[in-house]
N, C-alpha and C. Protein backbone atom coordinates (compact mmCIF):
# COMPACT_ATOMS: atom_id res chain seq x y z
N UNK A 1 -322.01 124.69 186.31
CA UNK A 1 -321.43 123.50 185.69
C UNK A 1 -322.02 122.34 186.47
N UNK A 2 -322.42 121.25 185.74
CA UNK A 2 -322.88 120.09 186.40
C UNK A 2 -321.84 119.33 187.21
N UNK A 3 -322.26 118.72 188.31
CA UNK A 3 -321.35 117.90 189.11
C UNK A 3 -320.59 116.84 188.36
N UNK A 4 -321.32 116.17 187.47
CA UNK A 4 -320.68 115.04 186.76
C UNK A 4 -319.60 115.62 185.90
N UNK A 5 -319.79 116.70 185.23
CA UNK A 5 -318.90 117.38 184.40
C UNK A 5 -317.70 117.79 185.10
N UNK A 6 -317.77 118.43 186.25
CA UNK A 6 -316.68 118.72 187.05
C UNK A 6 -315.83 117.53 187.47
N UNK A 7 -316.48 116.58 187.90
CA UNK A 7 -315.79 115.24 188.31
C UNK A 7 -315.11 114.61 187.05
N UNK A 8 -315.70 114.65 185.95
CA UNK A 8 -315.08 114.05 184.69
C UNK A 8 -313.84 114.86 184.33
N UNK A 9 -313.88 116.21 184.48
CA UNK A 9 -312.69 116.96 184.12
C UNK A 9 -311.61 116.56 185.18
N UNK A 10 -311.94 116.52 186.39
CA UNK A 10 -310.90 116.06 187.38
C UNK A 10 -310.26 114.80 187.14
N UNK A 11 -311.20 113.77 186.82
CA UNK A 11 -310.64 112.45 186.50
C UNK A 11 -309.73 112.45 185.26
N UNK A 12 -310.19 113.29 184.22
CA UNK A 12 -309.28 113.40 182.96
C UNK A 12 -307.97 114.05 183.26
N UNK A 13 -307.97 115.01 184.07
CA UNK A 13 -306.72 115.67 184.43
C UNK A 13 -305.91 114.65 185.17
N UNK A 14 -306.36 113.91 186.14
CA UNK A 14 -305.71 113.06 186.90
C UNK A 14 -305.11 111.96 186.05
N UNK A 15 -305.89 111.40 185.06
CA UNK A 15 -305.45 110.37 184.22
C UNK A 15 -304.33 110.84 183.28
N UNK A 16 -304.56 112.07 182.63
CA UNK A 16 -303.54 112.51 181.78
C UNK A 16 -302.15 112.84 182.39
N UNK A 17 -302.26 113.41 183.57
CA UNK A 17 -301.02 113.71 184.39
C UNK A 17 -300.40 112.38 184.76
N UNK A 18 -301.17 111.33 185.17
CA UNK A 18 -300.51 110.13 185.69
C UNK A 18 -299.84 109.49 184.36
N UNK A 19 -300.44 109.46 183.31
CA UNK A 19 -299.86 108.80 182.07
C UNK A 19 -298.64 109.58 181.60
N UNK A 20 -298.74 110.89 181.40
CA UNK A 20 -297.58 111.64 181.01
C UNK A 20 -296.38 111.66 182.04
N UNK A 21 -296.74 111.74 183.37
CA UNK A 21 -295.78 111.64 184.38
C UNK A 21 -295.09 110.29 184.41
N UNK A 22 -295.83 109.24 184.07
CA UNK A 22 -295.19 107.93 184.14
C UNK A 22 -294.24 107.77 183.01
N UNK A 23 -294.58 108.21 181.77
CA UNK A 23 -293.70 108.18 180.61
C UNK A 23 -292.41 109.02 180.84
N UNK A 24 -292.69 110.25 181.36
CA UNK A 24 -291.54 111.10 181.72
C UNK A 24 -290.62 110.31 182.64
N UNK A 25 -291.17 109.78 183.73
CA UNK A 25 -290.30 109.18 184.77
C UNK A 25 -289.60 107.90 184.25
N UNK A 26 -290.31 107.13 183.35
CA UNK A 26 -289.64 105.93 182.75
C UNK A 26 -288.56 106.35 181.87
N UNK A 27 -288.61 107.42 181.14
CA UNK A 27 -287.65 107.94 180.29
C UNK A 27 -286.36 108.30 181.17
N UNK A 28 -286.66 108.92 182.26
CA UNK A 28 -285.56 109.24 183.23
C UNK A 28 -284.90 108.08 183.90
N UNK A 29 -285.70 107.09 184.21
CA UNK A 29 -285.16 105.88 184.78
C UNK A 29 -284.25 105.06 183.68
N UNK A 30 -284.85 105.04 182.54
CA UNK A 30 -284.24 104.31 181.45
C UNK A 30 -282.83 105.04 181.11
N UNK A 31 -282.73 106.28 181.12
CA UNK A 31 -281.48 107.03 180.86
C UNK A 31 -280.53 106.83 181.93
N UNK A 32 -281.00 106.70 183.14
CA UNK A 32 -279.96 106.70 184.35
C UNK A 32 -279.65 105.19 184.72
N UNK A 33 -280.54 104.27 184.58
CA UNK A 33 -280.36 102.92 185.02
C UNK A 33 -280.44 101.86 183.95
N UNK A 34 -281.01 102.22 182.78
CA UNK A 34 -281.10 101.20 181.74
C UNK A 34 -282.58 100.64 181.55
N UNK A 35 -282.62 99.82 180.53
CA UNK A 35 -283.93 99.25 180.06
C UNK A 35 -284.67 98.39 181.17
N UNK A 36 -283.83 97.53 181.81
CA UNK A 36 -284.40 96.58 182.79
C UNK A 36 -285.05 97.23 183.98
N UNK A 37 -284.37 98.34 184.34
CA UNK A 37 -284.82 99.12 185.54
C UNK A 37 -286.15 99.87 185.20
N UNK A 38 -286.26 100.33 183.92
CA UNK A 38 -287.39 101.05 183.46
C UNK A 38 -288.55 100.04 183.37
N UNK A 39 -288.26 98.75 183.02
CA UNK A 39 -289.30 97.76 182.85
C UNK A 39 -289.86 97.43 184.17
N UNK A 40 -288.95 97.29 185.25
CA UNK A 40 -289.40 96.98 186.58
C UNK A 40 -290.22 98.24 187.15
N UNK A 41 -289.72 99.45 186.89
CA UNK A 41 -290.55 100.59 187.24
C UNK A 41 -291.87 100.67 186.72
N UNK A 42 -291.97 100.25 185.46
CA UNK A 42 -293.32 100.28 184.82
C UNK A 42 -294.25 99.38 185.52
N UNK A 43 -293.90 98.25 185.98
CA UNK A 43 -294.76 97.28 186.69
C UNK A 43 -295.03 97.73 188.10
N UNK A 44 -294.06 98.55 188.66
CA UNK A 44 -294.27 99.17 189.92
C UNK A 44 -294.70 100.66 189.91
N UNK A 45 -295.52 100.94 189.01
CA UNK A 45 -295.90 102.32 188.61
C UNK A 45 -296.37 103.16 189.75
N UNK A 46 -297.11 102.67 190.67
CA UNK A 46 -297.50 103.56 191.80
C UNK A 46 -296.36 104.02 192.57
N UNK A 47 -295.35 103.14 192.83
CA UNK A 47 -294.06 103.60 193.52
C UNK A 47 -293.30 104.62 192.66
N UNK A 48 -293.32 104.28 191.42
CA UNK A 48 -292.59 105.15 190.39
C UNK A 48 -293.10 106.45 190.39
N UNK A 49 -294.45 106.59 190.37
CA UNK A 49 -295.04 107.97 190.30
C UNK A 49 -294.93 108.73 191.64
N UNK A 50 -294.79 107.99 192.76
CA UNK A 50 -294.65 108.70 194.01
C UNK A 50 -293.18 109.13 194.39
N UNK A 51 -292.19 108.26 193.94
CA UNK A 51 -290.92 108.45 194.36
C UNK A 51 -289.98 109.19 193.43
N UNK A 52 -290.06 108.86 192.17
CA UNK A 52 -289.10 109.49 191.17
C UNK A 52 -289.10 111.09 191.17
N UNK A 53 -290.21 111.66 191.29
CA UNK A 53 -290.19 113.18 191.29
C UNK A 53 -289.35 113.68 192.46
N UNK A 54 -289.50 113.10 193.78
CA UNK A 54 -288.78 113.35 194.84
C UNK A 54 -287.29 113.18 194.71
N UNK A 55 -286.88 112.02 193.99
CA UNK A 55 -285.52 111.74 193.74
C UNK A 55 -284.92 112.77 192.85
N UNK A 56 -285.70 113.19 191.81
CA UNK A 56 -285.19 114.26 190.81
C UNK A 56 -284.90 115.51 191.52
N UNK A 57 -285.83 115.81 192.47
CA UNK A 57 -285.63 117.06 193.19
C UNK A 57 -284.52 117.05 194.07
N UNK A 58 -284.29 116.04 194.94
CA UNK A 58 -283.15 115.96 195.88
C UNK A 58 -281.82 115.70 195.25
N UNK A 59 -281.81 114.83 194.22
CA UNK A 59 -280.59 114.49 193.62
C UNK A 59 -280.04 115.39 192.59
N UNK A 60 -280.95 116.07 191.75
CA UNK A 60 -280.62 116.92 190.73
C UNK A 60 -280.98 118.38 190.82
N UNK A 61 -281.88 118.68 191.82
CA UNK A 61 -282.36 120.05 192.13
C UNK A 61 -283.41 120.49 191.03
N UNK A 62 -284.01 119.45 190.36
CA UNK A 62 -284.98 119.75 189.34
C UNK A 62 -286.38 119.41 189.82
N UNK A 63 -287.19 120.46 190.01
CA UNK A 63 -288.51 120.22 190.65
C UNK A 63 -289.61 120.26 189.62
N UNK A 64 -289.31 120.23 188.41
CA UNK A 64 -290.37 120.30 187.36
C UNK A 64 -291.25 119.00 187.39
N UNK A 65 -290.66 117.92 187.43
CA UNK A 65 -291.36 116.67 187.45
C UNK A 65 -292.27 116.60 188.82
N UNK A 66 -291.73 117.06 189.87
CA UNK A 66 -292.50 117.01 191.11
C UNK A 66 -293.77 117.99 190.93
N UNK A 67 -293.50 119.24 190.52
CA UNK A 67 -294.58 120.13 190.32
C UNK A 67 -295.59 119.63 189.29
N UNK A 68 -295.13 119.03 188.16
CA UNK A 68 -296.14 118.48 187.25
C UNK A 68 -297.02 117.31 187.81
N UNK A 69 -296.35 116.39 188.43
CA UNK A 69 -297.09 115.13 188.98
C UNK A 69 -297.98 115.48 190.07
N UNK A 70 -297.37 116.10 191.17
CA UNK A 70 -298.14 116.30 192.31
C UNK A 70 -299.06 117.50 192.14
N UNK A 71 -298.68 118.54 191.23
CA UNK A 71 -299.67 119.57 191.02
C UNK A 71 -300.91 119.01 190.28
N UNK A 72 -300.64 118.23 189.28
CA UNK A 72 -301.73 117.66 188.50
C UNK A 72 -302.68 116.79 189.37
N UNK A 73 -302.03 115.88 190.29
CA UNK A 73 -302.81 115.20 191.21
C UNK A 73 -303.62 116.13 192.09
N UNK A 74 -303.08 117.18 192.63
CA UNK A 74 -303.79 118.08 193.50
C UNK A 74 -304.96 118.78 192.68
N UNK A 75 -304.71 119.26 191.52
CA UNK A 75 -305.69 119.91 190.84
C UNK A 75 -306.89 118.89 190.45
N UNK A 76 -306.47 117.65 189.92
CA UNK A 76 -307.60 116.75 189.67
C UNK A 76 -308.37 116.33 190.86
N UNK A 77 -307.67 116.15 192.00
CA UNK A 77 -308.35 115.79 193.16
C UNK A 77 -309.24 116.86 193.71
N UNK A 78 -308.79 118.10 193.58
CA UNK A 78 -309.70 119.22 194.09
C UNK A 78 -310.93 119.34 193.23
N UNK A 79 -310.79 119.04 191.90
CA UNK A 79 -311.96 119.13 190.99
C UNK A 79 -312.96 117.92 191.39
N UNK A 80 -312.37 116.80 191.59
CA UNK A 80 -313.20 115.69 191.91
C UNK A 80 -313.87 115.84 193.28
N UNK A 81 -313.29 116.40 194.21
CA UNK A 81 -313.79 116.58 195.53
C UNK A 81 -314.82 117.78 195.58
N UNK A 82 -314.59 118.75 194.64
CA UNK A 82 -315.52 119.84 194.51
C UNK A 82 -316.79 119.42 193.89
N UNK A 83 -316.80 118.35 193.24
CA UNK A 83 -318.08 117.87 192.59
C UNK A 83 -319.11 117.31 193.57
N UNK A 84 -318.57 117.16 194.82
CA UNK A 84 -319.47 116.60 195.85
C UNK A 84 -319.40 115.01 196.02
N UNK A 85 -320.20 114.56 196.94
CA UNK A 85 -320.22 113.10 197.21
C UNK A 85 -320.69 112.29 196.07
N UNK A 86 -320.22 111.16 195.88
CA UNK A 86 -320.62 110.30 194.78
C UNK A 86 -321.99 109.67 195.01
N UNK A 87 -322.30 109.51 196.14
CA UNK A 87 -323.62 108.73 196.50
C UNK A 87 -324.71 109.60 196.70
N UNK A 88 -324.60 111.00 196.49
CA UNK A 88 -325.74 111.84 196.69
C UNK A 88 -326.67 111.77 195.57
N UNK A 89 -327.99 111.67 195.86
CA UNK A 89 -329.06 111.65 194.90
C UNK A 89 -329.37 113.11 194.40
N UNK A 90 -329.45 113.26 193.20
CA UNK A 90 -329.67 114.53 192.54
C UNK A 90 -331.17 114.62 192.11
């Protein structure tokens, strides 16, 4: 498999997981705290993606969101790193 293809698959996985995880997390925040909190969380999306899965695990004992978001980041990152350095001449 070409290196560019492997990297593109990794970026695709990372992007899809980020988008779906953010939507899932915003739905949780909106249900718990309301519309305005979800709007603020949308604009602070890096912190939202990082912290809400941990909150759900510790507060509710639900690790599905943590496994989805961090597992997807890990899988995408491994595929990107397995494709090799970006500046290498082929």
